[in-house]
Amino acid sequence: MQSEAPTVDAYLEEQPEGRRRTLRLLREMIRAAAPEAEELMKYKLPHWDWNGPLFALAAQKNYFSLYVSEPDLVEAAKPRLAPLDVGKSCIRFRKVEQLPLDVIAKLLEDAADRRRATEG
């Protein structure tokens, strides 16, 4: 769902409570993996930028999307994300219970570590 919300907090407040909980969990995981990233609304979705786009979240009508701007890392994690719908940089799921949270946390951390490595 695209939003006119000016902030990520406002975007979350627009969501029904159950969906809000899922988005908050992913937001916390992103913040833990990449506290250096700037949180903002971009393209009407929550984004985290750090030397360019890093992560984004979307609450679509029938599913959620987690975008990771490191396609090779997403591809490498694909076998551990089965049977989720995984695209080049996007992981789509209907319920947070479907997510292997340990795999998602590692993917987020690896993407953030890659950005850290390019800074130094």
Protein backbone atom coordinates (compact mmCIF):
# COMPACT_ATOMS: atom_id res chain seq x y z
CA MET A 1 0.00 0.00 0.00
CA GLN A 2 1.48 3.30 -1.06
CA SER A 3 1.15 6.02 1.48
CA GLU A 4 1.22 9.79 1.70
CA ALA A 5 2.58 9.52 5.26
CA PRO A 6 5.48 11.93 5.84
CA THR A 7 7.33 9.65 8.29
CA VAL A 8 7.80 5.96 8.97
CA ASP A 9 5.98 6.40 12.29
CA ALA A 10 2.99 7.87 10.45
CA TYR A 11 3.11 5.01 7.92
CA LEU A 12 2.99 2.48 10.75
CA GLU A 13 0.08 4.26 12.41
CA GLU A 14 -1.95 3.92 9.18
CA GLN A 15 -1.71 0.13 9.37
CA PRO A 16 -4.10 -2.18 11.23
CA GLU A 17 -2.61 -3.36 14.52
CA GLY A 18 -1.64 -6.87 13.34
CA ARG A 19 0.19 -5.52 10.30
CA ARG A 20 1.75 -2.78 12.41
CA ARG A 21 3.30 -5.40 14.71
CA THR A 22 4.94 -7.14 11.75
CA LEU A 23 6.31 -3.88 10.36
CA ARG A 24 7.58 -2.80 13.78
CA LEU A 25 9.42 -6.09 14.22
CA LEU A 26 11.14 -5.71 10.84
CA ARG A 27 11.91 -2.06 11.58
CA GLU A 28 13.59 -3.08 14.84
CA MET A 29 15.61 -5.74 13.02
CA ILE A 30 16.71 -3.20 10.40
CA ARG A 31 17.66 -0.65 13.05
CA ALA A 32 19.66 -3.29 14.95
CA ALA A 33 21.52 -4.37 11.81
CA ALA A 34 22.14 -0.87 10.44
CA PRO A 35 21.83 1.84 13.10
CA GLU A 36 23.82 4.14 10.81
CA ALA A 37 21.14 4.06 8.10
CA GLU A 38 18.84 7.04 7.64
CA GLU A 39 15.17 6.17 8.06
CA LEU A 40 12.87 8.03 5.67
CA MET A 41 9.83 7.78 3.45
CA LYS A 42 10.76 7.37 -0.20
CA TYR A 43 8.55 6.29 -3.09
CA LYS A 44 5.71 6.29 -0.54
CA LEU A 45 7.35 3.45 1.46
CA PRO A 46 9.60 3.23 4.52
CA HIS A 47 13.25 3.21 3.43
CA TRP A 48 16.62 2.99 5.07
CA ASP A 49 19.41 4.65 3.12
CA TRP A 50 23.11 4.47 3.78
CA ASN A 51 25.36 5.44 0.90
CA GLY A 52 22.31 4.79 -1.26
CA PRO A 53 19.23 2.62 -0.73
CA LEU A 54 19.73 -0.27 1.67
CA PHE A 55 16.35 -1.55 2.89
CA ALA A 56 12.66 -0.84 2.34
CA LEU A 57 9.37 -2.22 3.67
CA ALA A 58 5.90 -2.34 2.20
CA ALA A 59 2.55 -3.46 3.49
CA GLN A 60 0.72 -4.48 0.33
CA LYS A 61 -2.94 -5.44 0.25
CA ASN A 62 -2.33 -9.20 0.63
CA TYR A 63 1.30 -9.46 1.69
CA PHE A 64 4.38 -7.69 3.04
CA SER A 65 7.57 -6.97 1.14
CA LEU A 66 11.08 -6.59 2.51
CA TYR A 67 13.52 -5.09 0.02
CA VAL A 68 17.26 -5.60 0.43
CA SER A 69 19.43 -3.63 -1.99
CA GLU A 70 22.10 -6.32 -2.18
CA PRO A 71 20.64 -8.78 -4.73
CA ASP A 72 23.50 -11.28 -4.49
CA LEU A 73 22.95 -11.61 -0.73
CA VAL A 74 19.22 -12.18 -1.29
CA GLU A 75 20.05 -14.80 -3.94
CA ALA A 76 22.47 -16.56 -1.59
CA ALA A 77 19.80 -16.67 1.15
CA LYS A 78 17.09 -17.93 -1.21
CA PRO A 79 17.40 -21.65 -0.31
CA ARG A 80 16.97 -20.79 3.39
CA LEU A 81 13.97 -18.56 2.60
CA ALA A 82 11.99 -21.29 0.81
CA PRO A 83 9.04 -21.52 0.30
CA LEU A 84 8.70 -17.71 0.41
CA ASP A 85 8.27 -15.70 -2.78
CA VAL A 86 11.74 -14.23 -3.31
CA GLY A 87 12.66 -11.93 -6.18
CA LYS A 88 15.90 -10.24 -7.11
CA SER A 89 15.89 -7.92 -4.08
CA CYS A 90 12.47 -8.59 -2.57
CA ILE A 91 11.14 -11.08 -0.04
CA ARG A 92 7.34 -11.34 0.01
CA PHE A 93 5.35 -13.00 2.79
CA ARG A 94 1.84 -12.97 4.22
CA LYS A 95 2.54 -13.51 7.92
CA VAL A 96 5.60 -12.87 10.05
CA GLU A 97 5.35 -16.49 11.24
CA GLN A 98 6.41 -17.53 7.73
CA LEU A 99 9.74 -15.72 8.07
CA PRO A 100 12.83 -17.53 9.26
CA LEU A 101 13.80 -14.59 11.48
CA ASP A 102 17.35 -15.85 12.00
CA VAL A 103 17.91 -15.91 8.22
CA ILE A 104 16.38 -12.44 7.84
CA ALA A 105 18.54 -11.05 10.66
CA LYS A 106 21.68 -12.50 9.06
CA LEU A 107 20.72 -11.10 5.65
CA LEU A 108 20.16 -7.63 7.11
CA GLU A 109 23.44 -7.79 9.03
CA ASP A 110 25.38 -8.95 5.97
CA ALA A 111 23.96 -6.12 3.87
CA ALA A 112 24.82 -3.57 6.56
CA ASP A 113 28.32 -5.03 6.98
CA ARG A 114 28.86 -4.64 3.26
CA ARG A 115 27.99 -0.92 3.54
CA ARG A 116 30.32 -0.54 6.52
CA ALA A 117 33.15 -2.08 4.50
CA THR A 118 32.69 0.48 1.71
CA GLU A 119 32.97 3.40 4.15
CA GLY A 120 36.44 2.69 5.42
